[in-house]
Amino acid sequence: MQGNPRLPRAGANINILYAALMSGNKPVFAELLNQVCRDWSGKGYDYLSVGLCEGNERVSSASRYAARQLSSTLYIVYWQDTSVLLPEMNLPVHLEIATL
């Protein structure tokens, strides 16, 4: 790690690298995250963004690198008059972080 980046002045860009690391195995996830950090460190990105759902066991691996942690709420929007298969609400939701 090279330290925590500062937020840019108003109107300036933030260069974000998005990572999708979907391994269900915690040690493999940690190694993938380490490799992403090694491969992309010093390449001009301000932040590496990784999205995990609340309660995910991989949060502890990712939080070692965290300069900032942000929480968000996911809403499901649909029209009731269409045939929609809704996800199970008791299962974790995995989204591509770049879509948020």
PDB file of N, CA and C in Angstrom:
ATOM      1  N   MET A   1       0.846  -1.191   0.000  1.00  0.00           N
ATOM      2  CA  MET A   1       0.000   0.000   0.000  1.00  0.00           C
ATOM      3  C   MET A   1       0.883   1.243   0.000  1.00  0.00           C
ATOM      4  N   GLN A   2       0.454   2.240  -0.725  1.00  0.00           N
ATOM      5  CA  GLN A   2       1.210   3.472  -0.802  1.00  0.00           C
ATOM      6  C   GLN A   2       0.567   4.582   0.001  1.00  0.00           C
ATOM      7  N   GLY A   3      -0.398   4.263   0.836  1.00  0.00           N
ATOM      8  CA  GLY A   3      -1.065   5.283   1.628  1.00  0.00           C
ATOM      9  C   GLY A   3      -2.462   5.549   1.118  1.00  0.00           C
ATOM     10  N   ASN A   4      -3.172   6.362   1.860  1.00  0.00           N
ATOM     11  CA  ASN A   4      -4.556   6.675   1.509  1.00  0.00           C
ATOM     12  C   ASN A   4      -4.610   7.847   0.537  1.00  0.00           C
ATOM     13  N   PRO A   5      -5.332   7.678  -0.576  1.00  0.00           N
ATOM     14  CA  PRO A   5      -5.449   8.798  -1.508  1.00  0.00           C
ATOM     15  C   PRO A   5      -6.366   9.874  -0.948  1.00  0.00           C
ATOM     16  N   ARG A   6      -6.118  11.078  -1.349  1.00  0.00           N
ATOM     17  CA  ARG A   6      -6.990  12.183  -0.958  1.00  0.00           C
ATOM     18  C   ARG A   6      -8.104  12.315  -1.983  1.00  0.00           C
ATOM     19  N   LEU A   7      -9.225  12.831  -1.527  1.00  0.00           N
ATOM     20  CA  LEU A   7     -10.296  13.117  -2.474  1.00  0.00           C
ATOM     21  C   LEU A   7      -9.878  14.298  -3.336  1.00  0.00           C
ATOM     22  N   PRO A   8     -10.236  14.284  -4.624  1.00  0.00           N
ATOM     23  CA  PRO A   8      -9.841  15.387  -5.508  1.00  0.00           C
ATOM     24  C   PRO A   8     -10.663  16.637  -5.225  1.00  0.00           C
ATOM     25  N   ARG A   9     -10.223  17.743  -5.756  1.00  0.00           N
ATOM     26  CA  ARG A   9     -10.977  18.992  -5.616  1.00  0.00           C
ATOM     27  C   ARG A   9     -12.309  18.834  -6.344  1.00  0.00           C
ATOM     28  N   ALA A  10     -13.269  19.663  -6.010  1.00  0.00           N
ATOM     29  CA  ALA A  10     -14.601  19.606  -6.624  1.00  0.00           C
ATOM     30  C   ALA A  10     -14.486  19.708  -8.141  1.00  0.00           C
ATOM     31  N   GLY A  11     -15.174  18.818  -8.835  1.00  0.00           N
ATOM     32  CA  GLY A  11     -15.177  18.818 -10.290  1.00  0.00           C
ATOM     33  C   GLY A  11     -14.091  17.979 -10.931  1.00  0.00           C
ATOM     34  N   ALA A  12     -13.115  17.525 -10.161  1.00  0.00           N
ATOM     35  CA  ALA A  12     -12.036  16.704 -10.723  1.00  0.00           C
ATOM     36  C   ALA A  12     -12.462  15.232 -10.743  1.00  0.00           C
ATOM     37  N   ASN A  13     -11.780  14.453 -11.534  1.00  0.00           N
ATOM     38  CA  ASN A  13     -12.084  13.029 -11.658  1.00  0.00           C
ATOM     39  C   ASN A  13     -11.454  12.215 -10.544  1.00  0.00           C
ATOM     40  N   ILE A  14     -12.100  11.087 -10.239  1.00  0.00           N
ATOM     41  CA  ILE A  14     -11.520  10.063  -9.377  1.00  0.00           C
ATOM     42  C   ILE A  14     -11.293   8.850 -10.266  1.00  0.00           C
ATOM     43  N   ASN A  15     -10.069   8.396 -10.368  1.00  0.00           N
ATOM     44  CA  ASN A  15      -9.746   7.235 -11.198  1.00  0.00           C
ATOM     45  C   ASN A  15      -9.933   5.963 -10.372  1.00  0.00           C
ATOM     46  N   ILE A  16     -11.010   5.225 -10.694  1.00  0.00           N
ATOM     47  CA  ILE A  16     -11.373   4.037  -9.914  1.00  0.00           C
ATOM     48  C   ILE A  16     -11.184   2.787 -10.761  1.00  0.00           C
ATOM     49  N   LEU A  17     -10.542   1.801 -10.181  1.00  0.00           N
ATOM     50  CA  LEU A  17     -10.430   0.474 -10.772  1.00  0.00           C
ATOM     51  C   LEU A  17     -11.443  -0.418 -10.060  1.00  0.00           C
ATOM     52  N   TYR A  18     -12.301  -1.076 -10.811  1.00  0.00           N
ATOM     53  CA  TYR A  18     -13.324  -1.948 -10.235  1.00  0.00           C
ATOM     54  C   TYR A  18     -12.873  -3.389 -10.350  1.00  0.00           C
ATOM     55  N   ALA A  19     -13.009  -4.149  -9.255  1.00  0.00           N
ATOM     56  CA  ALA A  19     -12.624  -5.557  -9.271  1.00  0.00           C
ATOM     57  C   ALA A  19     -13.827  -6.431  -8.956  1.00  0.00           C
ATOM     58  N   ALA A  20     -13.974  -7.494  -9.702  1.00  0.00           N
ATOM     59  CA  ALA A  20     -15.017  -8.493  -9.455  1.00  0.00           C
ATOM     60  C   ALA A  20     -14.307  -9.795  -9.109  1.00  0.00           C
ATOM     61  N   LEU A  21     -14.245 -10.108  -7.838  1.00  0.00           N
ATOM     62  CA  LEU A  21     -13.547 -11.292  -7.339  1.00  0.00           C
ATOM     63  C   LEU A  21     -14.580 -12.202  -6.691  1.00  0.00           C
ATOM     64  N   MET A  22     -15.076 -13.165  -7.415  1.00  0.00           N
ATOM     65  CA  MET A  22     -16.218 -13.925  -6.939  1.00  0.00           C
ATOM     66  C   MET A  22     -15.867 -15.301  -6.362  1.00  0.00           C
ATOM     67  N   SER A  23     -14.636 -15.546  -6.010  1.00  0.00           N
ATOM     68  CA  SER A  23     -14.297 -16.842  -5.436  1.00  0.00           C
ATOM     69  C   SER A  23     -15.055 -17.057  -4.134  1.00  0.00           C
ATOM     70  N   GLY A  24     -15.643 -18.236  -3.980  1.00  0.00           N
ATOM     71  CA  GLY A  24     -16.326 -18.572  -2.741  1.00  0.00           C
ATOM     72  C   GLY A  24     -15.373 -19.025  -1.658  1.00  0.00           C
ATOM     73  N   ASN A  25     -14.130 -19.203  -2.003  1.00  0.00           N
ATOM     74  CA  ASN A  25     -13.115 -19.677  -1.083  1.00  0.00           C
ATOM     75  C   ASN A  25     -12.367 -18.467  -0.522  1.00  0.00           C
ATOM     76  N   LYS A  26     -12.428 -18.268   0.795  1.00  0.00           N
ATOM     77  CA  LYS A  26     -11.838 -17.066   1.412  1.00  0.00           C
ATOM     78  C   LYS A  26     -10.337 -16.929   1.141  1.00  0.00           C
ATOM     79  N   PRO A  27      -9.518 -17.980   1.297  1.00  0.00           N
ATOM     80  CA  PRO A  27      -8.086 -17.810   0.998  1.00  0.00           C
ATOM     81  C   PRO A  27      -7.820 -17.493  -0.482  1.00  0.00           C
ATOM     82  N   VAL A  28      -8.591 -18.074  -1.386  1.00  0.00           N
ATOM     83  CA  VAL A  28      -8.410 -17.780  -2.809  1.00  0.00           C
ATOM     84  C   VAL A  28      -8.806 -16.328  -3.087  1.00  0.00           C
ATOM     85  N   PHE A  29      -9.908 -15.872  -2.496  1.00  0.00           N
ATOM     86  CA  PHE A  29     -10.322 -14.477  -2.636  1.00  0.00           C
ATOM     87  C   PHE A  29      -9.212 -13.543  -2.150  1.00  0.00           C
ATOM     88  N   ALA A  30      -8.626 -13.839  -0.994  1.00  0.00           N
ATOM     89  CA  ALA A  30      -7.560 -12.998  -0.441  1.00  0.00           C
ATOM     90  C   ALA A  30      -6.367 -12.955  -1.388  1.00  0.00           C
ATOM     91  N   GLU A  31      -6.007 -14.080  -1.972  1.00  0.00           N
ATOM     92  CA  GLU A  31      -4.875 -14.112  -2.899  1.00  0.00           C
ATOM     93  C   GLU A  31      -5.198 -13.360  -4.194  1.00  0.00           C
ATOM     94  N   LEU A  32      -6.431 -13.507  -4.691  1.00  0.00           N
ATOM     95  CA  LEU A  32      -6.836 -12.747  -5.879  1.00  0.00           C
ATOM     96  C   LEU A  32      -6.756 -11.248  -5.613  1.00  0.00           C
ATOM     97  N   LEU A  33      -7.227 -10.829  -4.451  1.00  0.00           N
ATOM     98  CA  LEU A  33      -7.169  -9.414  -4.091  1.00  0.00           C
ATOM     99  C   LEU A  33      -5.721  -8.931  -3.974  1.00  0.00           C
ATOM    100  N   ASN A  34      -4.869  -9.738  -3.369  1.00  0.00           N
ATOM    101  CA  ASN A  34      -3.435  -9.398  -3.297  1.00  0.00           C
ATOM    102  C   ASN A  34      -2.850  -9.223  -4.690  1.00  0.00           C
ATOM    103  N   GLN A  35      -3.206 -10.131  -5.604  1.00  0.00           N
ATOM    104  CA  GLN A  35      -2.665 -10.070  -6.963  1.00  0.00           C
ATOM    105  C   GLN A  35      -3.152  -8.826  -7.697  1.00  0.00           C
ATOM    106  N   VAL A  36      -4.428  -8.493  -7.538  1.00  0.00           N
ATOM    107  CA  VAL A  36      -4.961  -7.266  -8.159  1.00  0.00           C
ATOM    108  C   VAL A  36      -4.176  -6.059  -7.652  1.00  0.00           C
ATOM    109  N   CYS A  37      -3.941  -6.004  -6.355  1.00  0.00           N
ATOM    110  CA  CYS A  37      -3.190  -4.872  -5.782  1.00  0.00           C
ATOM    111  C   CYS A  37      -1.771  -4.821  -6.332  1.00  0.00           C
ATOM    112  N   ARG A  38      -1.110  -5.969  -6.452  1.00  0.00           N
ATOM    113  CA  ARG A  38       0.246  -5.989  -7.008  1.00  0.00           C
ATOM    114  C   ARG A  38       0.254  -5.563  -8.471  1.00  0.00           C
ATOM    115  N   ASP A  39      -0.707  -6.074  -9.242  1.00  0.00           N
ATOM    116  CA  ASP A  39      -0.732  -5.798 -10.678  1.00  0.00           C
ATOM    117  C   ASP A  39      -1.075  -4.347 -11.010  1.00  0.00           C
ATOM    118  N   TRP A  40      -1.937  -3.711 -10.211  1.00  0.00           N
ATOM    119  CA  TRP A  40      -2.449  -2.394 -10.566  1.00  0.00           C
ATOM    120  C   TRP A  40      -1.888  -1.263  -9.722  1.00  0.00           C
ATOM    121  N   SER A  41      -1.101  -1.548  -8.709  1.00  0.00           N
ATOM    122  CA  SER A  41      -0.499  -0.496  -7.891  1.00  0.00           C
ATOM    123  C   SER A  41       0.433   0.354  -8.750  1.00  0.00           C
ATOM    124  N   GLY A  42       0.336   1.654  -8.593  1.00  0.00           N
ATOM    125  CA  GLY A  42       1.214   2.561  -9.332  1.00  0.00           C
ATOM    126  C   GLY A  42       0.810   2.780 -10.776  1.00  0.00           C
ATOM    127  N   LYS A  43      -0.396   2.373 -11.163  1.00  0.00           N
ATOM    128  CA  LYS A  43      -0.846   2.514 -12.556  1.00  0.00           C
ATOM    129  C   LYS A  43      -1.764   3.723 -12.759  1.00  0.00           C
ATOM    130  N   GLY A  44      -1.853   4.608 -11.773  1.00  0.00           N
ATOM    131  CA  GLY A  44      -2.622   5.838 -11.942  1.00  0.00           C
ATOM    132  C   GLY A  44      -4.030   5.801 -11.389  1.00  0.00           C
ATOM    133  N   TYR A  45      -4.394   4.752 -10.685  1.00  0.00           N
ATOM    134  CA  TYR A  45      -5.726   4.685 -10.089  1.00  0.00           C
ATOM    135  C   TYR A  45      -5.690   5.238  -8.667  1.00  0.00           C
ATOM    136  N   ASP A  46      -6.756   5.955  -8.317  1.00  0.00           N
ATOM    137  CA  ASP A  46      -6.862   6.498  -6.967  1.00  0.00           C
ATOM    138  C   ASP A  46      -7.412   5.461  -5.996  1.00  0.00           C
ATOM    139  N   TYR A  47      -8.336   4.646  -6.486  1.00  0.00           N
ATOM    140  CA  TYR A  47      -9.002   3.654  -5.635  1.00  0.00           C
ATOM    141  C   TYR A  47      -9.213   2.350  -6.384  1.00  0.00           C
ATOM    142  N   LEU A  48      -9.189   1.275  -5.642  1.00  0.00           N
ATOM    143  CA  LEU A  48      -9.652  -0.030  -6.101  1.00  0.00           C
ATOM    144  C   LEU A  48     -10.987  -0.249  -5.406  1.00  0.00           C
ATOM    145  N   SER A  49     -12.026  -0.496  -6.160  1.00  0.00           N
ATOM    146  CA  SER A  49     -13.361  -0.645  -5.604  1.00  0.00           C
ATOM    147  C   SER A  49     -13.795  -2.109  -5.680  1.00  0.00           C
ATOM    148  N   VAL A  50     -14.145  -2.665  -4.518  1.00  0.00           N
ATOM    149  CA  VAL A  50     -14.615  -4.049  -4.416  1.00  0.00           C
ATOM    150  C   VAL A  50     -15.936  -4.017  -3.662  1.00  0.00           C
ATOM    151  N   GLY A  51     -16.955  -4.638  -4.208  1.00  0.00           N
ATOM    152  CA  GLY A  51     -18.265  -4.642  -3.563  1.00  0.00           C
ATOM    153  C   GLY A  51     -18.590  -5.989  -2.947  1.00  0.00           C
ATOM    154  N   LEU A  52     -18.983  -5.967  -1.694  1.00  0.00           N
ATOM    155  CA  LEU A  52     -19.369  -7.189  -0.983  1.00  0.00           C
ATOM    156  C   LEU A  52     -20.656  -6.930  -0.221  1.00  0.00           C
ATOM    157  N   CYS A  53     -21.510  -7.944  -0.147  1.00  0.00           N
ATOM    158  CA  CYS A  53     -22.753  -7.767   0.599  1.00  0.00           C
ATOM    159  C   CYS A  53     -22.480  -7.878   2.101  1.00  0.00           C
ATOM    160  N   GLU A  54     -23.351  -7.272   2.877  1.00  0.00           N
ATOM    161  CA  GLU A  54     -23.231  -7.275   4.328  1.00  0.00           C
ATOM    162  C   GLU A  54     -23.171  -8.717   4.845  1.00  0.00           C
ATOM    163  N   GLY A  55     -22.252  -8.980   5.744  1.00  0.00           N
ATOM    164  CA  GLY A  55     -22.118 -10.302   6.329  1.00  0.00           C
ATOM    165  C   GLY A  55     -21.252 -11.265   5.530  1.00  0.00           C
ATOM    166  N   ASN A  56     -20.739 -10.835   4.394  1.00  0.00           N
ATOM    167  CA  ASN A  56     -19.890 -11.694   3.576  1.00  0.00           C
ATOM    168  C   ASN A  56     -18.583 -11.955   4.315  1.00  0.00           C
ATOM    169  N   GLU A  57     -18.195 -13.210   4.396  1.00  0.00           N
ATOM    170  CA  GLU A  57     -16.974 -13.565   5.144  1.00  0.00           C
ATOM    171  C   GLU A  57     -15.707 -12.979   4.523  1.00  0.00           C
ATOM    172  N   ARG A  58     -15.763 -12.557   3.271  1.00  0.00           N
ATOM    173  CA  ARG A  58     -14.585 -11.992   2.604  1.00  0.00           C
ATOM    174  C   ARG A  58     -14.347 -10.526   2.967  1.00  0.00           C
ATOM    175  N   VAL A  59     -15.271  -9.920   3.702  1.00  0.00           N
ATOM    176  CA  VAL A  59     -15.115  -8.520   4.113  1.00  0.00           C
ATOM    177  C   VAL A  59     -13.827  -8.347   4.911  1.00  0.00           C
ATOM    178  N   SER A  60     -13.502  -9.314   5.766  1.00  0.00           N
ATOM    179  CA  SER A  60     -12.286  -9.181   6.593  1.00  0.00           C
ATOM    180  C   SER A  60     -11.031  -9.128   5.725  1.00  0.00           C
ATOM    181  N   SER A  61     -10.994  -9.889   4.641  1.00  0.00           N
ATOM    182  CA  SER A  61      -9.839  -9.844   3.736  1.00  0.00           C
ATOM    183  C   SER A  61      -9.758  -8.504   3.025  1.00  0.00           C
ATOM    184  N   ALA A  62     -10.894  -8.016   2.537  1.00  0.00           N
ATOM    185  CA  ALA A  62     -10.919  -6.751   1.797  1.00  0.00           C
ATOM    186  C   ALA A  62     -10.665  -5.554   2.706  1.00  0.00           C
ATOM    187  N   SER A  63     -11.135  -5.612   3.944  1.00  0.00           N
ATOM    188  CA  SER A  63     -11.012  -4.453   4.836  1.00  0.00           C
ATOM    189  C   SER A  63      -9.560  -4.157   5.220  1.00  0.00           C
ATOM    190  N   ARG A  64      -8.668  -5.124   5.059  1.00  0.00           N
ATOM    191  CA  ARG A  64      -7.238  -4.866   5.322  1.00  0.00           C
ATOM    192  C   ARG A  64      -6.687  -3.792   4.399  1.00  0.00           C
ATOM    193  N   TYR A  65      -7.278  -3.659   3.224  1.00  0.00           N
ATOM    194  CA  TYR A  65      -6.811  -2.695   2.226  1.00  0.00           C
ATOM    195  C   TYR A  65      -7.631  -1.415   2.213  1.00  0.00           C
ATOM    196  N   ALA A  66      -8.721  -1.380   2.936  1.00  0.00           N
ATOM    197  CA  ALA A  66      -9.706  -0.307   2.794  1.00  0.00           C
ATOM    198  C   ALA A  66      -9.192   1.044   3.274  1.00  0.00           C
ATOM    199  N   ALA A  67      -9.244   2.022   2.376  1.00  0.00           N
ATOM    200  CA  ALA A  67      -9.015   3.410   2.754  1.00  0.00           C
ATOM    201  C   ALA A  67     -10.331   4.022   3.210  1.00  0.00           C
ATOM    202  N   ARG A  68     -11.411   3.558   2.588  1.00  0.00           N
ATOM    203  CA  ARG A  68     -12.762   4.001   2.922  1.00  0.00           C
ATOM    204  C   ARG A  68     -13.705   2.830   2.743  1.00  0.00           C
ATOM    205  N   GLN A  69     -14.726   2.779   3.581  1.00  0.00           N
ATOM    206  CA  GLN A  69     -15.785   1.796   3.422  1.00  0.00           C
ATOM    207  C   GLN A  69     -17.104   2.546   3.293  1.00  0.00           C
ATOM    208  N   LEU A  70     -17.841   2.225   2.260  1.00  0.00           N
ATOM    209  CA  LEU A  70     -19.119   2.873   2.012  1.00  0.00           C
ATOM    210  C   LEU A  70     -20.230   1.842   2.082  1.00  0.00           C
ATOM    211  N   SER A  71     -21.332   2.220   2.667  1.00  0.00           N
ATOM    212  CA  SER A  71     -22.505   1.355   2.711  1.00  0.00           C
ATOM    213  C   SER A  71     -23.549   1.902   1.762  1.00  0.00           C
ATOM    214  N   SER A  72     -24.289   1.009   1.163  1.00  0.00           N
ATOM    215  CA  SER A  72     -25.378   1.434   0.290  1.00  0.00           C
ATOM    216  C   SER A  72     -26.550   0.476   0.471  1.00  0.00           C
ATOM    217  N   THR A  73     -27.674   0.876  -0.056  1.00  0.00           N
ATOM    218  CA  THR A  73     -28.887   0.065   0.008  1.00  0.00           C
ATOM    219  C   THR A  73     -29.278  -0.315  -1.409  1.00  0.00           C
ATOM    220  N   LEU A  74     -29.593  -1.569  -1.593  1.00  0.00           N
ATOM    221  CA  LEU A  74     -30.016  -2.068  -2.886  1.00  0.00           C
ATOM    222  C   LEU A  74     -31.536  -2.144  -2.911  1.00  0.00           C
ATOM    223  N   TYR A  75     -32.133  -1.542  -3.917  1.00  0.00           N
ATOM    224  CA  TYR A  75     -33.587  -1.576  -4.073  1.00  0.00           C
ATOM    225  C   TYR A  75     -33.940  -2.385  -5.316  1.00  0.00           C
ATOM    226  N   ILE A  76     -34.970  -3.167  -5.226  1.00  0.00           N
ATOM    227  CA  ILE A  76     -35.480  -3.896  -6.382  1.00  0.00           C
ATOM    228  C   ILE A  76     -36.722  -3.159  -6.864  1.00  0.00           C
ATOM    229  N   VAL A  77     -36.708  -2.768  -8.120  1.00  0.00           N
ATOM    230  CA  VAL A  77     -37.823  -2.030  -8.700  1.00  0.00           C
ATOM    231  C   VAL A  77     -38.370  -2.845  -9.865  1.00  0.00           C
ATOM    232  N   TYR A  78     -39.679  -3.019  -9.887  1.00  0.00           N
ATOM    233  CA  TYR A  78     -40.315  -3.752 -10.976  1.00  0.00           C
ATOM    234  C   TYR A  78     -41.783  -3.349 -11.063  1.00  0.00           C
ATOM    235  N   TRP A  79     -42.402  -3.667 -12.178  1.00  0.00           N
ATOM    236  CA  TRP A  79     -43.819  -3.411 -12.374  1.00  0.00           C
ATOM    237  C   TRP A  79     -44.579  -4.684 -12.033  1.00  0.00           C
ATOM    238  N   GLN A  80     -45.596  -4.562 -11.182  1.00  0.00           N
ATOM    239  CA  GLN A  80     -46.331  -5.727 -10.709  1.00  0.00           C
ATOM    240  C   GLN A  80     -47.103  -6.435 -11.820  1.00  0.00           C
ATOM    241  N   ASP A  81     -47.422  -5.752 -12.879  1.00  0.00           N
ATOM    242  CA  ASP A  81     -48.195  -6.389 -13.935  1.00  0.00           C
ATOM    243  C   ASP A  81     -47.332  -7.209 -14.905  1.00  0.00           C
ATOM    244  N   THR A  82     -46.031  -7.297 -14.633  1.00  0.00           N
ATOM    245  CA  THR A  82     -45.158  -8.134 -15.460  1.00  0.00           C
ATOM    246  C   THR A  82     -44.761  -9.368 -14.677  1.00  0.00           C
ATOM    247  N   SER A  83     -44.426 -10.402 -15.392  1.00  0.00           N
ATOM    248  CA  SER A  83     -44.010 -11.652 -14.760  1.00  0.00           C
ATOM    249  C   SER A  83     -42.527 -11.538 -14.398  1.00  0.00           C
ATOM    250  N   VAL A  84     -42.256 -11.308 -13.128  1.00  0.00           N
ATOM    251  CA  VAL A  84     -40.889 -11.100 -12.665  1.00  0.00           C
ATOM    252  C   VAL A  84     -40.558 -12.156 -11.617  1.00  0.00           C
ATOM    253  N   LEU A  85     -39.410 -12.797 -11.778  1.00  0.00           N
ATOM    254  CA  LEU A  85     -38.922 -13.737 -10.780  1.00  0.00           C
ATOM    255  C   LEU A  85     -38.010 -12.961  -9.834  1.00  0.00           C
ATOM    256  N   LEU A  86     -38.478 -12.734  -8.611  1.00  0.00           N
ATOM    257  CA  LEU A  86     -37.710 -11.961  -7.634  1.00  0.00           C
ATOM    258  C   LEU A  86     -36.709 -12.854  -6.920  1.00  0.00           C
ATOM    259  N   PRO A  87     -35.568 -12.301  -6.543  1.00  0.00           N
ATOM    260  CA  PRO A  87     -34.570 -13.096  -5.815  1.00  0.00           C
ATOM    261  C   PRO A  87     -35.057 -13.429  -4.406  1.00  0.00           C
ATOM    262  N   GLU A  88     -34.512 -14.494  -3.854  1.00  0.00           N
ATOM    263  CA  GLU A  88     -34.793 -14.844  -2.459  1.00  0.00           C
ATOM    264  C   GLU A  88     -34.211 -13.756  -1.568  1.00  0.00           C
ATOM    265  N   MET A  89     -35.009 -13.190  -0.694  1.00  0.00           N
ATOM    266  CA  MET A  89     -34.566 -12.061   0.122  1.00  0.00           C
ATOM    267  C   MET A  89     -33.634 -12.486   1.258  1.00  0.00           C
ATOM    268  N   ASN A  90     -33.574 -13.765   1.583  1.00  0.00           N
ATOM    269  CA  ASN A  90     -32.702 -14.214   2.670  1.00  0.00           C
ATOM    270  C   ASN A  90     -31.331 -14.660   2.169  1.00  0.00           C
ATOM    271  N   LEU A  91     -31.082 -14.569   0.866  1.00  0.00           N
ATOM    272  CA  LEU A  91     -29.795 -14.945   0.299  1.00  0.00           C
ATOM    273  C   LEU A  91     -28.953 -13.706   0.034  1.00  0.00           C
ATOM    274  N   PRO A  92     -27.620 -13.820   0.116  1.00  0.00           N
ATOM    275  CA  PRO A  92     -26.783 -12.660  -0.189  1.00  0.00           C
ATOM    276  C   PRO A  92     -26.926 -12.263  -1.660  1.00  0.00           C
ATOM    277  N   VAL A  93     -26.804 -10.991  -1.920  1.00  0.00           N
ATOM    278  CA  VAL A  93     -26.884 -10.462  -3.285  1.00  0.00           C
ATOM    279  C   VAL A  93     -25.478 -10.088  -3.715  1.00  0.00           C
ATOM    280  N   HIS A  94     -25.098 -10.539  -4.890  1.00  0.00           N
ATOM    281  CA  HIS A  94     -23.781 -10.206  -5.435  1.00  0.00           C
ATOM    282  C   HIS A  94     -23.982  -9.390  -6.704  1.00  0.00           C
ATOM    283  N   LEU A  95     -23.483  -8.174  -6.694  1.00  0.00           N
ATOM    284  CA  LEU A  95     -23.604  -7.278  -7.847  1.00  0.00           C
ATOM    285  C   LEU A  95     -22.222  -6.905  -8.349  1.00  0.00           C
ATOM    286  N   GLU A  96     -22.149  -6.619  -9.621  1.00  0.00           N
ATOM    287  CA  GLU A  96     -20.934  -6.054 -10.177  1.00  0.00           C
ATOM    288  C   GLU A  96     -20.828  -4.633  -9.647  1.00  0.00           C
ATOM    289  N   ILE A  97     -19.779  -4.334  -8.913  1.00  0.00           N
ATOM    290  CA  ILE A  97     -19.622  -3.055  -8.237  1.00  0.00           C
ATOM    291  C   ILE A  97     -19.666  -1.874  -9.202  1.00  0.00           C
ATOM    292  N   ALA A  98     -19.233  -2.060 -10.426  1.00  0.00           N
ATOM    293  CA  ALA A  98     -19.215  -0.955 -11.392  1.00  0.00           C
ATOM    294  C   ALA A  98     -20.626  -0.535 -11.798  1.00  0.00           C
ATOM    295  N   THR A  99     -21.643  -1.346 -11.502  1.00  0.00           N
ATOM    296  CA  THR A  99     -23.009  -0.991 -11.874  1.00  0.00           C
ATOM    297  C   THR A  99     -23.675  -0.092 -10.854  1.00  0.00           C
ATOM    298  N   LEU A 100     -23.085   0.065  -9.692  1.00  0.00           N
ATOM    299  CA  LEU A 100     -23.725   0.869  -8.633  1.00  0.00           C
ATOM    300  C   LEU A 100     -23.492   2.347  -8.830  1.00  0.00           C
TER     301      LEU A 100
END
